[in-house]
Each structure stands twice: as structure tokens, then as C-alpha cells.
């Protein structure tokens, strides 16, 4: 029934591409293969003939690829089984870059099956719908297939079916952006695994990567970042919502936490606005690169980056960061101009904020000065006369000065007060008077300015 086949084909194509109306040739070819085989439904999750050992029926592209391989296995009596085809393509993409000469193909197939393959099998693979033979070169018919089969390999690594080696490290290092389809494909392969199991596996893989002998340190760190991004994407996808600062920080601690802070963190290519809380943490021997929201993260006076490589971290327009130079051990860290510009911008902001606090404090303390003396003042009068032009609102300033012991509630010895009053404590009065009249900055007043926030 041609009309029904067309309707089923459209439904299947939309199921495979996320309800998109424009379909790439690969999807259209796949749909035709499935319909020719007699597929009667667009539900890719209930096919009883799907028996892959590494692919998942719940992942649309896995279903597509395996159905093609099944169809090819039915066409050739002595051909490769569908699972063997998948294994070969995974190896072909991951170890050989997805291309080879026609002379080499028989040897690659023999290595895959562990024995001799005859000419019929070789010709079947040369004519495989996932491959393209042009002249003397055999390669994937569609560029996306190389990345796809590399994600299949990483899925096997994440599930413990394949070990980490130099080739795996290079694949992970090559795909280091959170929004890449590769990262999403990899994270989808561990969606159903318990989080504790996933984190334990990731910890083991991170150790394996750092223990590789032949890989450059920069590539190893990018590979570790790849694992971190896969873990981030998995949690975000399962939650179906943006990753919170608390959840992102907990994942960072789970994978890179050590006594007193964070060590061997690798974060590269995080372009989404995902934030971490570095408050109270000492971050050592780590890489942070190409992370667009770095300056929006949480920092405090105890945050310290030591022996870290920090680069490609431009401060976005309008960002007011809490980080400053004291958070970075510049003698041990390797930083670039983007970091220096961020710190310089923060220094200018700090100077401006400090000047604003200084003006507000002077304006407030002058309200207590009357006829050469520092005297108590009614709260209602102080509030009415104080006009913040810098950083500090009235209630905030009063609370901070009380905590610092500069002012307190005035208790009259002459009778009941009409409304609450504040007074400058006696040990601060002379310093306040000289500060207001002469601009003199005593050690007491300097301490107050440094503590105001």
C-alpha cells in the first residue's frame, strides 16, 4: 500500500530525527531500507529482531544502523553478521579514521574476524550502504558516521567493555565541546546506569588516562575534559533542565575532589552557562580553558588556584566577578592574556567599589558630627539624611558597622528616648572625627574600609 508506506516512512523519519521536517539523505535511505524489510511501525523501541550486543534500541541512530547491518547480513549467505559489521565499523572509524584503500580492506576484515575472509565478503563490504567506494578508496558514505561509530566505542569504554588506550584518548580529546552531537551520543549510552556506578567508572577512566605514557599531557587533559563533559551532559539530559550550581559543583567534587580541594580538574570547551562554586577550594594541577562562564562562578577569599593552566577565559560583557588576584598563585599558574584582562577588570571594579564604600562611610559618619563633637543621632534622622551614592544601602551599612563594633544603640542616662538612636562607640570617635574633618585614615578606619562589603 503505497500511501500507507509513505505515511509510515514520514513517521519513522520524524522519530529518527526528533520531529524535524527536513531530512538528510542518510535518514531517507535508512527509512527506505526499513520499509523494504517490512517494518510496520515507527516505534524503534519494540523491534523483536533487534539483537545488537553493543547498540541500544532506544537510541534512534543505533536502531537505524543496526537495521541496515541486519539487512546486509540477510543479503549475503557468507557475509558478516550484523554485530560483526558494527564491530568492524567501530574499529574502522576509531582506529583507521573511517577510510582505507581497497588493498588494505581485506586485511582489516581478516583482523576483525580473526581469520581469512573470501572475496565475496570483501565485495559485500565494498558495496555496503554505509560505505562509499570511489576509485581505490573505501570510506564512510556520510561524514557523520565516523563520529557516530567513535561514540559507540566511547560508549563501550564507559560501560567497561573496552579499555582506555591512546586511540580512545585521542577521540575524547578531539571532541571537547558540550554541545557537540558526539558528547550527546556518548552520554545517551549511559543514561540508564546508576549514577554511583557511572561516577566510579569515570574515576577509574580518569586515572587510566592520566597513567597513559605515550600521550601528550595536553591531549590527556582534553580527554579527561571530554569525560567530564559527558558526565555533565548525562545529568542535564536526565533532569531535563539546566544544571544547577550546586549539582555541577557536586559532580566536580565527585570526580576531582581531594583533601582540601580539587585536583587534576580538566574543563575545556564548556560554552553553556553552567556554573561551579569554587568557594573555599584550593584547585591544583588543573586545566580550565574555553569556559565561557568562568568569571561568573563563585569565589571567596579562600579560593586559590595553584599549578593550573588557565587560558581562553575572556570575561563576558556585564559580568561582575568575585574573583581577584589573591585567588591565583601567579608564580605557579600558566595564564594567558584573557585571564590577565579579567583580573585587571576586577581590580578596576574593586577600586571603584572601595571608593564608593569610602564615600558612603564618610557621608554616614558626618551625620554624627555636630559643633565639633561626635554625638548620638536618631535612626529616623540618619535614615532620612543618608543618601547612598556609592555601594551601601542604609540598613546594610548600619548592620555592618554594628558587627564591626563602630556603632551601637545609644542608651540615654537622662530619660526615655523618643525613638531609637545610634552612637559611635567611644574608641572610634576620634578616628571618625579626624576621618570626616581631615580625611585622615587611621589604622582603625582602614580596617573598617577593608571589612565593608
Protein backbone atom coordinates (compact mmCIF):
# COMPACT_ATOMS: atom_id res chain seq x y z
CA UNK A 1 0.00 0.00 0.00
CA UNK A 2 1.98 2.97 -1.30
CA UNK A 3 0.15 5.77 0.60
CA UNK A 4 0.44 3.88 3.89
CA UNK A 5 4.14 3.22 3.27
CA UNK A 6 4.70 6.93 2.64
CA UNK A 7 2.88 7.81 5.85
CA UNK A 8 4.83 5.19 7.84
CA UNK A 9 8.07 6.43 6.27
CA UNK A 10 7.41 10.04 7.30
CA UNK A 11 6.52 8.96 10.84
CA UNK A 12 9.69 6.89 11.08
CA UNK A 13 11.88 9.68 9.67
CA UNK A 14 10.50 12.13 12.21
CA UNK A 15 11.01 9.64 15.01
CA UNK A 16 14.64 9.22 13.95
CA UNK A 17 15.37 12.95 13.66
CA UNK A 18 13.38 14.44 16.52
CA UNK A 19 10.26 15.55 14.58
CA UNK A 20 12.23 17.63 12.07
CA UNK A 21 10.58 18.33 8.72
CA UNK A 22 13.85 18.39 6.73
CA UNK A 23 15.57 15.01 6.42
CA UNK A 24 19.18 14.36 5.38
CA UNK A 25 19.75 11.75 2.64
CA UNK A 26 21.09 9.28 5.20
CA UNK A 27 17.74 9.20 7.05
CA UNK A 28 15.72 8.91 3.85
CA UNK A 29 17.86 5.99 2.66
CA UNK A 30 17.51 4.30 6.02
CA UNK A 31 13.73 4.63 6.03
CA UNK A 32 13.55 3.01 2.61
CA UNK A 33 15.67 0.07 3.85
CA UNK A 34 13.44 -0.43 6.88
CA UNK A 35 10.22 -0.28 4.86
CA UNK A 36 11.60 -2.66 2.23
CA UNK A 37 12.35 -5.12 5.03
CA UNK A 38 8.70 -4.95 6.03
CA UNK A 39 8.90 -2.68 9.10
CA UNK A 40 5.33 -1.79 10.04
CA UNK A 41 5.87 0.73 12.81
CA UNK A 42 7.82 3.86 13.62
CA UNK A 43 8.34 2.71 17.19
CA UNK A 44 12.05 1.90 17.28
CA UNK A 45 11.94 0.60 20.84
CA UNK A 46 9.83 -2.56 20.30
CA UNK A 47 11.54 -4.36 17.42
CA UNK A 48 11.92 -8.04 18.43
CA UNK A 49 14.59 -8.58 15.75
CA UNK A 50 16.95 -6.05 17.29
CA UNK A 51 19.67 -8.15 18.95
CA UNK A 52 22.75 -5.94 18.98
CA UNK A 53 25.44 -6.64 21.55
CA UNK A 54 26.62 -3.01 21.80
CA UNK A 55 23.93 -0.76 20.30
CA UNK A 56 20.78 0.35 22.08
CA UNK A 57 17.32 0.07 20.58
CA UNK A 58 16.26 3.22 22.44
CA UNK A 59 18.82 5.35 20.57
CA UNK A 60 17.43 6.25 17.15
CA UNK A 61 20.71 6.17 15.23
CA UNK A 62 21.62 2.83 16.80
CA UNK A 63 18.36 1.37 15.59
CA UNK A 64 18.90 2.77 12.11
CA UNK A 65 22.45 1.47 11.75
CA UNK A 66 21.68 -1.97 13.11
CA UNK A 67 18.69 -2.44 10.80
CA UNK A 68 20.92 -1.66 7.82
CA UNK A 69 23.53 -4.14 9.04
CA UNK A 70 20.85 -6.78 9.59
CA UNK A 71 19.54 -6.28 6.08
CA UNK A 72 23.05 -6.63 4.65
CA UNK A 73 23.65 -9.83 6.62
CA UNK A 74 20.48 -11.32 5.11
CA UNK A 75 21.63 -10.49 1.56
CA UNK A 76 24.90 -12.46 1.73
CA UNK A 77 24.86 -16.06 2.95
CA UNK A 78 28.57 -15.98 3.75
CA UNK A 79 28.71 -12.33 4.70
CA UNK A 80 29.45 -10.81 8.07
CA UNK A 81 26.83 -10.94 10.80
CA UNK A 82 25.18 -7.68 11.83
CA UNK A 83 27.06 -7.50 15.14
CA UNK A 84 30.37 -8.18 13.37
CA UNK A 85 29.61 -5.39 10.92
CA UNK A 86 29.01 -2.97 13.79
CA UNK A 87 32.27 -4.04 15.43
CA UNK A 88 34.14 -3.57 12.17
CA UNK A 89 32.70 -0.11 11.54
CA UNK A 90 33.53 0.93 15.10
CA UNK A 91 37.13 -0.19 14.61
CA UNK A 92 37.22 1.33 11.11
CA UNK A 93 36.12 4.75 12.45
CA UNK A 94 38.19 4.72 15.62
CA UNK A 95 41.49 3.17 14.56
CA UNK A 96 41.64 3.96 10.84
CA UNK A 97 39.90 7.33 10.57
CA UNK A 98 36.99 5.91 8.57
CA UNK A 99 38.93 5.40 5.32
CA UNK A 100 41.37 2.97 3.71
CA UNK A 101 42.49 1.70 0.33
CA UNK A 102 40.80 -1.26 -1.35
CA UNK A 103 44.03 -3.24 -0.96
CA UNK A 104 44.01 -2.81 2.82
CA UNK A 105 40.30 -3.56 3.36
CA UNK A 106 40.66 -7.40 3.19
CA UNK A 107 43.33 -7.31 5.91
CA UNK A 108 41.17 -5.10 8.14
CA UNK A 109 38.27 -7.51 7.73
CA UNK A 110 40.52 -10.50 8.48
CA UNK A 111 41.81 -8.79 11.62
CA UNK A 112 38.21 -8.19 12.70
CA UNK A 113 37.01 -11.78 12.31
CA UNK A 114 40.31 -13.33 13.35
CA UNK A 115 40.73 -15.35 10.18
CA UNK A 116 40.57 -15.39 6.40
CA UNK A 117 37.71 -13.66 4.59
CA UNK A 118 36.92 -14.53 0.99
CA UNK A 119 36.39 -12.16 -1.89
CA UNK A 120 32.58 -12.32 -1.59
CA UNK A 121 32.74 -10.84 1.90
CA UNK A 122 35.13 -8.11 0.76
CA UNK A 123 32.90 -7.18 -2.16
CA UNK A 124 29.86 -7.16 0.12
CA UNK A 125 31.57 -4.64 2.38
CA UNK A 126 32.73 -2.54 -0.57
CA UNK A 127 29.07 -2.29 -1.62
CA UNK A 128 27.74 -1.76 1.90
CA UNK A 129 25.21 1.13 2.06
CA UNK A 130 27.18 2.72 4.91
CA UNK A 131 30.37 2.77 2.84
CA UNK A 132 31.38 4.54 -0.34
CA UNK A 133 33.96 3.15 -2.76
CA UNK A 134 35.47 5.76 -5.03
CA UNK A 135 38.43 4.72 -7.13
CA UNK A 136 40.83 2.99 -4.80
CA UNK A 137 39.42 4.44 -1.58
CA UNK A 138 36.79 2.99 0.75
CA UNK A 139 35.27 5.39 3.29
CA UNK A 140 32.03 6.09 5.11
CA UNK A 141 29.27 7.27 2.81
CA UNK A 142 28.27 10.02 5.27
CA UNK A 143 30.68 12.11 7.34
CA UNK A 144 28.52 11.80 10.44
CA UNK A 145 29.10 8.03 10.55
CA UNK A 146 32.73 8.33 11.60
CA UNK A 147 31.81 10.43 14.65
CA UNK A 148 28.84 8.18 15.32
CA UNK A 149 30.88 4.96 15.44
CA UNK A 150 33.52 6.68 17.55
CA UNK A 151 30.75 7.45 20.06
CA UNK A 152 29.86 3.75 20.00
CA UNK A 153 33.45 2.98 21.03
CA UNK A 154 33.33 5.54 23.86
CA UNK A 155 30.04 4.00 24.98
CA UNK A 156 31.78 0.64 25.24
CA UNK A 157 34.58 2.28 27.24
CA UNK A 158 32.08 3.92 29.60
CA UNK A 159 30.36 0.58 30.15
CA UNK A 160 33.63 -1.23 30.84
CA UNK A 161 33.53 -3.32 27.66
CA UNK A 162 36.65 -1.67 26.20
CA UNK A 163 39.78 -0.37 27.89
CA UNK A 164 41.28 3.11 27.66
CA UNK A 165 44.19 3.39 25.25
CA UNK A 166 45.90 6.08 23.18
CA UNK A 167 43.29 5.87 20.42
CA UNK A 168 40.41 6.37 22.84
CA UNK A 169 42.23 9.30 24.44
CA UNK A 170 42.68 10.99 21.07
CA UNK A 171 38.98 10.59 20.23
CA UNK A 172 37.93 12.09 23.56
CA UNK A 173 40.42 14.93 23.16
CA UNK A 174 39.11 15.74 19.70
CA UNK A 175 35.51 16.22 20.84
CA UNK A 176 35.68 18.71 23.69
CA UNK A 177 32.56 20.86 23.39
CA UNK A 178 29.48 20.21 25.47
CA UNK A 179 27.00 20.98 22.71
CA UNK A 180 28.57 18.64 20.16
CA UNK A 181 26.43 15.76 18.91
CA UNK A 182 29.29 13.45 19.85
CA UNK A 183 29.03 14.29 23.57
CA UNK A 184 25.26 13.82 23.49
CA UNK A 185 25.62 10.45 21.72
CA UNK A 186 28.11 9.29 24.34
CA UNK A 187 26.07 10.43 27.35
CA UNK A 188 22.94 8.76 25.98
CA UNK A 189 24.73 5.40 26.14
CA UNK A 190 24.93 5.54 29.95
CA UNK A 191 21.54 7.12 30.64
CA UNK A 192 20.18 4.03 32.37
CA UNK A 193 23.21 3.28 34.55
CA UNK A 194 23.07 4.18 38.28
CA UNK A 195 24.90 7.43 38.97
CA UNK A 196 27.20 5.88 41.56
CA UNK A 197 28.28 3.22 39.08
CA UNK A 198 28.87 5.84 36.38
CA UNK A 199 30.98 8.03 38.70
CA UNK A 200 33.04 5.06 39.87
CA UNK A 201 33.70 4.09 36.26
CA UNK A 202 34.61 7.68 35.36
CA UNK A 203 37.04 7.89 38.29
CA UNK A 204 38.75 4.72 37.05
CA UNK A 205 38.90 6.02 33.46
CA UNK A 206 40.34 9.36 34.58
CA UNK A 207 43.11 7.52 36.42
CA UNK A 208 43.74 5.38 33.33
CA UNK A 209 44.02 8.46 31.13
CA UNK A 210 46.49 10.19 33.43
CA UNK A 211 48.55 6.99 33.52
CA UNK A 212 48.96 6.80 29.73
CA UNK A 213 52.65 7.01 28.94
CA UNK A 214 52.74 7.92 25.25
CA UNK A 215 50.16 10.71 25.09
CA UNK A 216 50.98 14.39 25.50
CA UNK A 217 49.81 15.91 28.76
CA UNK A 218 47.69 18.49 26.91
CA UNK A 219 45.85 15.77 24.98
CA UNK A 220 45.30 13.71 28.12
CA UNK A 221 43.76 16.70 29.89
CA UNK A 222 41.46 17.33 26.93
CA UNK A 223 40.43 13.69 27.03
CA UNK A 224 39.64 13.94 30.75
CA UNK A 225 37.63 17.06 29.97
CA UNK A 226 35.72 15.04 27.39
CA UNK A 227 34.71 12.55 30.09
CA UNK A 228 33.69 15.41 32.39
CA UNK A 229 31.52 16.97 29.67
CA UNK A 230 29.85 13.62 29.00
CA UNK A 231 29.05 13.33 32.72
CA UNK A 232 27.65 16.89 32.75
CA UNK A 233 25.52 16.23 29.68
CA UNK A 234 24.17 12.98 31.13
CA UNK A 235 22.94 14.65 34.33
CA UNK A 236 21.50 17.60 32.43
CA UNK A 237 19.66 15.37 29.96
CA UNK A 238 18.20 13.16 32.69
CA UNK A 239 17.00 16.20 34.66
CA UNK A 240 15.55 17.83 31.56
CA UNK A 241 16.54 21.21 32.99
CA UNK A 242 19.61 23.47 33.31
CA UNK A 243 22.26 22.12 35.67
CA UNK A 244 22.27 23.97 38.98
CA UNK A 245 25.44 25.43 40.50
CA UNK A 246 25.11 23.02 43.44
CA UNK A 247 24.70 19.93 41.24
CA UNK A 248 27.56 20.90 38.92
CA UNK A 249 29.85 21.53 41.89
CA UNK A 250 28.95 18.20 43.47
CA UNK A 251 29.84 16.39 40.23
CA UNK A 252 33.17 18.23 40.11
CA UNK A 253 33.88 17.19 43.70
CA UNK A 254 32.87 13.58 42.98
CA UNK A 255 35.29 13.27 40.06
CA UNK A 256 38.16 15.56 41.06
CA UNK A 257 37.82 16.13 44.79
CA UNK A 258 40.80 15.64 47.08
CA UNK A 259 41.65 16.56 50.63
CA UNK A 260 41.38 20.32 50.87
CA UNK A 261 40.03 20.98 47.41
CA UNK A 262 40.13 19.94 43.75
CA UNK A 263 42.98 18.28 41.86
CA UNK A 264 43.54 17.29 38.21
CA UNK A 265 40.33 19.01 37.10
CA UNK A 266 40.13 19.30 33.32
CA UNK A 267 37.47 21.55 31.82
CA UNK A 268 37.73 22.64 28.20
CA UNK A 269 35.11 23.80 25.72
CA UNK A 270 32.23 24.42 28.14
CA UNK A 271 30.26 27.08 26.26
CA UNK A 272 26.93 26.60 28.04
CA UNK A 273 26.23 28.73 31.13
CA UNK A 274 26.99 26.10 33.75
CA UNK A 275 28.48 27.49 36.96
CA UNK A 276 30.62 25.99 39.74
CA UNK A 277 31.20 27.07 43.32
CA UNK A 278 34.93 27.37 43.98
CA UNK A 279 34.38 28.97 47.40
CA UNK A 280 36.80 27.62 49.98
CA UNK A 281 38.52 25.36 47.44
CA UNK A 282 42.18 25.03 46.56
CA UNK A 283 42.33 23.98 42.91
CA UNK A 284 45.64 22.34 41.99
CA UNK A 285 47.26 20.90 38.86
CA UNK A 286 44.21 21.60 36.71
CA UNK A 287 43.24 22.84 33.25
CA UNK A 288 40.43 25.33 32.64
CA UNK A 289 40.21 26.52 29.05
CA UNK A 290 37.50 27.84 26.76
CA UNK A 291 35.00 28.03 29.61
CA UNK A 292 32.76 31.00 28.80
CA UNK A 293 31.19 31.41 32.26
CA UNK A 294 34.32 31.02 34.38
CA UNK A 295 34.18 34.54 35.86
CA UNK A 296 30.54 34.06 36.89
CA UNK A 297 31.43 31.16 39.18
CA UNK A 298 31.51 31.59 42.96
CA UNK A 299 34.84 32.54 44.56
CA UNK A 300 35.76 33.73 48.04
CA UNK A 301 38.90 34.74 49.93
CA UNK A 302 39.84 31.10 50.49
CA UNK A 303 39.69 30.14 46.81
CA UNK A 304 43.16 29.51 45.39
CA UNK A 305 44.32 28.21 42.00
CA UNK A 306 47.80 26.68 42.14
CA UNK A 307 49.86 24.98 39.40
CA UNK A 308 46.95 25.41 36.99
CA UNK A 309 46.73 26.16 33.28
CA UNK A 310 44.12 28.87 32.73
CA UNK A 311 43.52 30.20 29.24
CA UNK A 312 40.87 31.36 26.77
CA UNK A 313 38.73 32.72 29.60
CA UNK A 314 37.50 36.13 28.41
CA UNK A 315 35.21 37.98 30.79
CA UNK A 316 31.81 38.46 29.19
CA UNK A 317 30.30 41.95 28.97
CA UNK A 318 28.40 42.98 32.08
CA UNK A 319 29.89 40.31 34.34
CA UNK A 320 30.95 41.40 37.85
CA UNK A 321 33.19 38.62 39.09
CA UNK A 322 34.02 37.84 42.71
CA UNK A 323 37.47 36.55 41.73
CA UNK A 324 40.55 38.71 42.20
CA UNK A 325 44.34 38.38 42.04
CA UNK A 326 44.55 36.86 45.51
CA UNK A 327 42.70 33.79 44.19
CA UNK A 328 45.51 32.95 41.75
CA UNK A 329 49.05 31.90 42.56
CA UNK A 330 50.54 33.67 39.56
CA UNK A 331 54.00 32.28 40.29
CA UNK A 332 52.85 28.70 39.68
CA UNK A 333 49.92 29.09 37.26
CA UNK A 334 50.20 29.32 33.48
CA UNK A 335 47.78 32.02 32.34
CA UNK A 336 47.14 33.96 29.15
CA UNK A 337 46.06 37.50 28.29
CA UNK A 338 42.35 36.74 28.71
CA UNK A 339 42.89 35.86 32.36
CA UNK A 340 45.09 38.90 32.97
CA UNK A 341 42.48 41.17 31.41
CA UNK A 342 39.82 39.60 33.61
CA UNK A 343 41.91 40.22 36.72
CA UNK A 344 42.66 43.78 35.64
CA UNK A 345 38.96 44.43 35.10
CA UNK A 346 38.26 43.02 38.54
CA UNK A 347 40.96 45.28 40.04
CA UNK A 348 39.34 48.33 38.48
CA UNK A 349 35.94 47.26 39.75
CA UNK A 350 37.40 46.69 43.23
CA UNK A 351 38.94 50.16 43.25
CA UNK A 352 35.65 51.70 42.18
CA UNK A 353 33.69 49.72 44.77
CA UNK A 354 36.16 50.61 47.52
CA UNK A 355 35.96 54.29 46.60
CA UNK A 356 32.17 54.06 46.71
CA UNK A 357 32.20 52.43 50.14
CA UNK A 358 34.64 55.08 51.36
CA UNK A 359 32.31 57.88 50.24
CA UNK A 360 29.30 56.22 51.82
CA UNK A 361 31.10 55.71 55.13
CA UNK A 362 32.28 59.34 55.20
CA UNK A 363 28.77 60.58 54.39
CA UNK A 364 27.28 58.44 57.16
CA UNK A 365 29.80 59.31 59.89
CA UNK A 366 29.49 63.04 59.19
CA UNK A 367 25.87 62.79 60.24
CA UNK A 368 27.09 62.26 63.83
CA UNK A 369 29.27 65.39 63.80
CA UNK A 370 27.76 68.47 65.46
CA UNK A 371 29.51 71.62 66.69
CA UNK A 372 32.91 69.96 66.88
CA UNK A 373 31.68 66.83 68.66
CA UNK A 374 30.56 63.30 67.75
CA UNK A 375 27.08 62.89 69.24
CA UNK A 376 24.28 60.28 69.09
CA UNK A 377 21.67 60.64 66.36
CA UNK A 378 18.12 59.37 65.94
CA UNK A 379 17.79 56.48 63.50
CA UNK A 380 14.91 58.18 61.70
CA UNK A 381 17.05 61.30 61.15
CA UNK A 382 20.04 59.29 59.98
CA UNK A 383 17.92 57.34 57.52
CA UNK A 384 16.35 60.49 56.14
CA UNK A 385 19.63 62.36 55.71
CA UNK A 386 21.78 59.50 54.44
CA UNK A 387 21.82 59.35 50.66
CA UNK A 388 23.87 56.45 49.36
CA UNK A 389 25.74 57.41 46.21
CA UNK A 390 28.21 54.55 46.26
CA UNK A 391 27.66 50.91 47.21
CA UNK A 392 25.97 50.65 50.59
CA UNK A 393 22.31 50.99 51.46
CA UNK A 394 21.45 52.42 54.88
CA UNK A 395 20.31 49.23 56.62
CA UNK A 396 23.22 47.24 55.20
CA UNK A 397 25.77 49.84 56.32
CA UNK A 398 24.29 50.07 59.83
CA UNK A 399 24.34 46.29 60.23
CA UNK A 400 27.96 46.01 59.11
CA UNK A 401 29.17 48.87 61.32
CA UNK A 402 27.43 47.32 64.31
CA UNK A 403 29.13 43.98 63.62
CA UNK A 404 32.49 45.75 63.34
CA UNK A 405 31.93 47.49 66.68
CA UNK A 406 31.97 51.00 65.21
CA UNK A 407 28.43 51.98 66.21
CA UNK A 408 25.77 50.71 68.59
CA UNK A 409 22.39 51.56 70.07
CA UNK A 410 22.50 54.65 72.30
CA UNK A 411 21.10 54.36 75.80
CA UNK A 412 20.27 57.74 77.34
CA UNK A 413 21.00 58.42 81.01
CA UNK A 414 18.68 61.44 81.03
CA UNK A 415 15.41 59.69 80.49
CA UNK A 416 13.36 57.89 77.86
CA UNK A 417 14.36 58.44 74.22
CA UNK A 418 11.84 59.45 71.59
CA UNK A 419 12.70 56.83 69.04
CA UNK A 420 15.89 54.71 68.82
CA UNK A 421 19.26 56.37 68.49
CA UNK A 422 22.67 55.26 67.33
CA UNK A 423 26.07 56.33 68.60
CA UNK A 424 29.66 55.91 67.53
CA UNK A 425 31.48 53.88 70.16
CA UNK A 426 33.95 55.90 72.17
CA UNK A 427 37.04 54.07 70.89
CA UNK A 428 36.15 55.07 67.31
CA UNK A 429 35.03 58.68 67.91
CA UNK A 430 38.37 60.43 67.50
CA UNK A 431 39.23 58.37 64.44
CA UNK A 432 35.79 59.15 62.97
CA UNK A 433 36.16 62.88 63.72
CA UNK A 434 39.58 63.11 62.04
CA UNK A 435 38.37 61.00 59.11
CA UNK A 436 35.40 63.29 58.50
CA UNK A 437 37.18 66.62 59.03
CA UNK A 438 40.69 65.95 57.81
CA UNK A 439 40.34 62.83 55.67
CA UNK A 440 42.85 61.15 57.99
CA UNK A 441 42.90 57.38 57.55
CA UNK A 442 43.85 55.81 60.87
CA UNK A 443 44.51 52.10 61.23
CA UNK A 444 41.05 51.73 62.78
CA UNK A 445 39.32 53.38 59.82
CA UNK A 446 41.44 51.48 57.32
CA UNK A 447 40.34 48.23 58.98
CA UNK A 448 36.69 49.29 58.71
CA UNK A 449 37.01 50.13 54.99
CA UNK A 450 38.65 46.78 54.24
CA UNK A 451 35.90 44.86 56.04
CA UNK A 452 32.91 46.63 54.49
CA UNK A 453 31.27 44.64 51.71
